[in-house]
Amino acid sequence: MPQNANRKPFSELAATEVAPDHSALRAIRETRGYSIEELSLTCGLSSNEIADIENGKDADPSKLRRIASALRLPESALVTPAVLMQPAENRSVS
């Protein structure tokens, strides 16, 4: 975790309310004190993959779980039934 990271717990309810389209992931990441590069190193995804998720281009549940774990969020904060129901052509293959 970056030294400047916010250690305060992020409300599961707040995360679920703001993250259904994952565009709010950037706000969550920044609130936690992570740059894209730091989150990339922490969760093992590339910076481009994280940027794609933040921009709504990718919602692969396995990637979302890795990000949630790195940000110490409950999986349900990022992985919602709506994401799991997306057509396969809207999800990238890892």
C-alpha atoms as a PDB file:
ATOM      1  CA  MET A   1       0.000   0.000   0.000  1.00  0.00           C
ATOM      2  CA  PRO A   2       1.448   3.418  -0.857  1.00  0.00           C
ATOM      3  CA  GLN A   3       2.634   5.392   2.145  1.00  0.00           C
ATOM      4  CA  ASN A   4       0.150   8.159   1.367  1.00  0.00           C
ATOM      5  CA  ALA A   5      -2.755   5.712   1.048  1.00  0.00           C
ATOM      6  CA  ASN A   6      -5.863   6.413   3.047  1.00  0.00           C
ATOM      7  CA  ARG A   7      -6.319   3.614   5.572  1.00  0.00           C
ATOM      8  CA  LYS A   8      -9.893   4.533   6.468  1.00  0.00           C
ATOM      9  CA  PRO A   9     -12.413   1.844   5.535  1.00  0.00           C
ATOM     10  CA  PHE A  10     -14.408   2.565   2.416  1.00  0.00           C
ATOM     11  CA  SER A  11     -18.077   1.930   2.960  1.00  0.00           C
ATOM     12  CA  GLU A  12     -19.310  -1.114   1.057  1.00  0.00           C
ATOM     13  CA  LEU A  13     -22.583   0.681   0.476  1.00  0.00           C
ATOM     14  CA  ALA A  14     -20.845   3.771  -0.917  1.00  0.00           C
ATOM     15  CA  ALA A  15     -18.662   1.675  -3.214  1.00  0.00           C
ATOM     16  CA  THR A  16     -21.639  -0.271  -4.511  1.00  0.00           C
ATOM     17  CA  GLU A  17     -23.600   2.906  -5.120  1.00  0.00           C
ATOM     18  CA  VAL A  18     -20.861   4.680  -7.077  1.00  0.00           C
ATOM     19  CA  ALA A  19     -19.207   1.837  -8.963  1.00  0.00           C
ATOM     20  CA  PRO A  20     -21.807  -0.014 -11.043  1.00  0.00           C
ATOM     21  CA  ASP A  21     -20.347   1.334 -14.303  1.00  0.00           C
ATOM     22  CA  HIS A  22     -16.774   1.355 -12.941  1.00  0.00           C
ATOM     23  CA  SER A  23     -16.220   4.961 -14.016  1.00  0.00           C
ATOM     24  CA  ALA A  24     -16.153   5.773 -10.287  1.00  0.00           C
ATOM     25  CA  LEU A  25     -13.280   3.327  -9.800  1.00  0.00           C
ATOM     26  CA  ARG A  26     -10.903   6.231 -10.441  1.00  0.00           C
ATOM     27  CA  ALA A  27     -12.420   8.159  -7.510  1.00  0.00           C
ATOM     28  CA  ILE A  28     -12.176   5.111  -5.254  1.00  0.00           C
ATOM     29  CA  ARG A  29      -8.567   4.517  -6.322  1.00  0.00           C
ATOM     30  CA  GLU A  30      -7.615   8.140  -5.754  1.00  0.00           C
ATOM     31  CA  THR A  31      -9.416   8.219  -2.387  1.00  0.00           C
ATOM     32  CA  ARG A  32      -7.292   5.246  -1.373  1.00  0.00           C
ATOM     33  CA  GLY A  33      -4.152   7.153  -2.440  1.00  0.00           C
ATOM     34  CA  TYR A  34      -3.185   5.006  -5.413  1.00  0.00           C
ATOM     35  CA  SER A  35      -1.989   6.119  -8.828  1.00  0.00           C
ATOM     36  CA  ILE A  36      -2.805   3.806 -11.741  1.00  0.00           C
ATOM     37  CA  GLU A  37       0.819   2.636 -11.701  1.00  0.00           C
ATOM     38  CA  GLU A  38       0.760   1.850  -7.963  1.00  0.00           C
ATOM     39  CA  LEU A  39      -2.517  -0.054  -8.277  1.00  0.00           C
ATOM     40  CA  SER A  40      -1.072  -1.899 -11.260  1.00  0.00           C
ATOM     41  CA  LEU A  41       1.864  -3.096  -9.177  1.00  0.00           C
ATOM     42  CA  THR A  42      -0.389  -4.017  -6.266  1.00  0.00           C
ATOM     43  CA  CYS A  43      -3.004  -6.024  -8.172  1.00  0.00           C
ATOM     44  CA  GLY A  44      -0.864  -7.413 -11.010  1.00  0.00           C
ATOM     45  CA  LEU A  45      -2.788  -5.846 -13.883  1.00  0.00           C
ATOM     46  CA  SER A  46      -1.239  -3.519 -16.435  1.00  0.00           C
ATOM     47  CA  SER A  47      -1.841   0.213 -16.256  1.00  0.00           C
ATOM     48  CA  ASN A  48      -3.699  -0.025 -19.564  1.00  0.00           C
ATOM     49  CA  GLU A  49      -6.043  -2.697 -18.187  1.00  0.00           C
ATOM     50  CA  ILE A  50      -6.888  -0.528 -15.192  1.00  0.00           C
ATOM     51  CA  ALA A  51      -7.421   2.522 -17.414  1.00  0.00           C
ATOM     52  CA  ASP A  52      -9.740   0.478 -19.661  1.00  0.00           C
ATOM     53  CA  ILE A  53     -11.793  -0.604 -16.635  1.00  0.00           C
ATOM     54  CA  GLU A  54     -11.995   2.958 -15.352  1.00  0.00           C
ATOM     55  CA  ASN A  55     -13.132   4.101 -18.793  1.00  0.00           C
ATOM     56  CA  GLY A  56     -15.831   1.442 -19.032  1.00  0.00           C
ATOM     57  CA  LYS A  57     -14.123  -0.571 -21.780  1.00  0.00           C
ATOM     58  CA  ASP A  58     -13.523  -3.704 -19.706  1.00  0.00           C
ATOM     59  CA  ALA A  59     -15.433  -5.294 -16.846  1.00  0.00           C
ATOM     60  CA  ASP A  60     -13.859  -8.723 -16.538  1.00  0.00           C
ATOM     61  CA  PRO A  61     -14.959 -10.013 -13.109  1.00  0.00           C
ATOM     62  CA  SER A  62     -11.579 -11.627 -12.392  1.00  0.00           C
ATOM     63  CA  LYS A  63      -9.823  -8.291 -12.941  1.00  0.00           C
ATOM     64  CA  LEU A  64     -12.386  -6.487 -10.811  1.00  0.00           C
ATOM     65  CA  ARG A  65     -11.822  -8.984  -7.996  1.00  0.00           C
ATOM     66  CA  ARG A  66      -8.072  -8.354  -8.129  1.00  0.00           C
ATOM     67  CA  ILE A  67      -8.604  -4.595  -7.975  1.00  0.00           C
ATOM     68  CA  ALA A  68     -11.107  -4.910  -5.125  1.00  0.00           C
ATOM     69  CA  SER A  69      -8.628  -7.034  -3.189  1.00  0.00           C
ATOM     70  CA  ALA A  70      -5.782  -4.572  -3.787  1.00  0.00           C
ATOM     71  CA  LEU A  71      -7.957  -1.661  -2.663  1.00  0.00           C
ATOM     72  CA  ARG A  72      -9.212  -3.689   0.322  1.00  0.00           C
ATOM     73  CA  LEU A  73     -12.802  -3.458  -0.823  1.00  0.00           C
ATOM     74  CA  PRO A  74     -15.367  -6.229  -0.663  1.00  0.00           C
ATOM     75  CA  GLU A  75     -15.701  -7.967  -4.041  1.00  0.00           C
ATOM     76  CA  SER A  76     -19.318  -6.923  -4.166  1.00  0.00           C
ATOM     77  CA  ALA A  77     -18.203  -3.289  -4.355  1.00  0.00           C
ATOM     78  CA  LEU A  78     -16.938  -3.815  -7.913  1.00  0.00           C
ATOM     79  CA  VAL A  79     -18.304  -7.178  -9.045  1.00  0.00           C
ATOM     80  CA  THR A  80     -22.066  -6.844  -9.323  1.00  0.00           C
ATOM     81  CA  PRO A  81     -24.635  -9.120 -10.976  1.00  0.00           C
ATOM     82  CA  ALA A  82     -24.965  -6.555 -13.790  1.00  0.00           C
ATOM     83  CA  VAL A  83     -21.273  -6.992 -14.617  1.00  0.00           C
ATOM     84  CA  LEU A  84     -21.541 -10.768 -14.603  1.00  0.00           C
ATOM     85  CA  MET A  85     -24.530 -10.599 -16.957  1.00  0.00           C
ATOM     86  CA  GLN A  86     -22.764  -8.472 -19.605  1.00  0.00           C
ATOM     87  CA  PRO A  87     -22.602 -10.066 -23.049  1.00  0.00           C
ATOM     88  CA  ALA A  88     -19.293 -11.827 -23.644  1.00  0.00           C
ATOM     89  CA  GLU A  89     -18.395  -9.465 -26.501  1.00  0.00           C
ATOM     90  CA  ASN A  90     -18.301  -6.585 -23.984  1.00  0.00           C
ATOM     91  CA  ARG A  91     -15.798  -8.394 -21.771  1.00  0.00           C
ATOM     92  CA  SER A  92     -12.177  -8.979 -22.659  1.00  0.00           C
ATOM     93  CA  VAL A  93     -10.605 -12.382 -22.312  1.00  0.00           C
ATOM     94  CA  SER A  94      -7.655 -12.508 -19.904  1.00  0.00           C
END
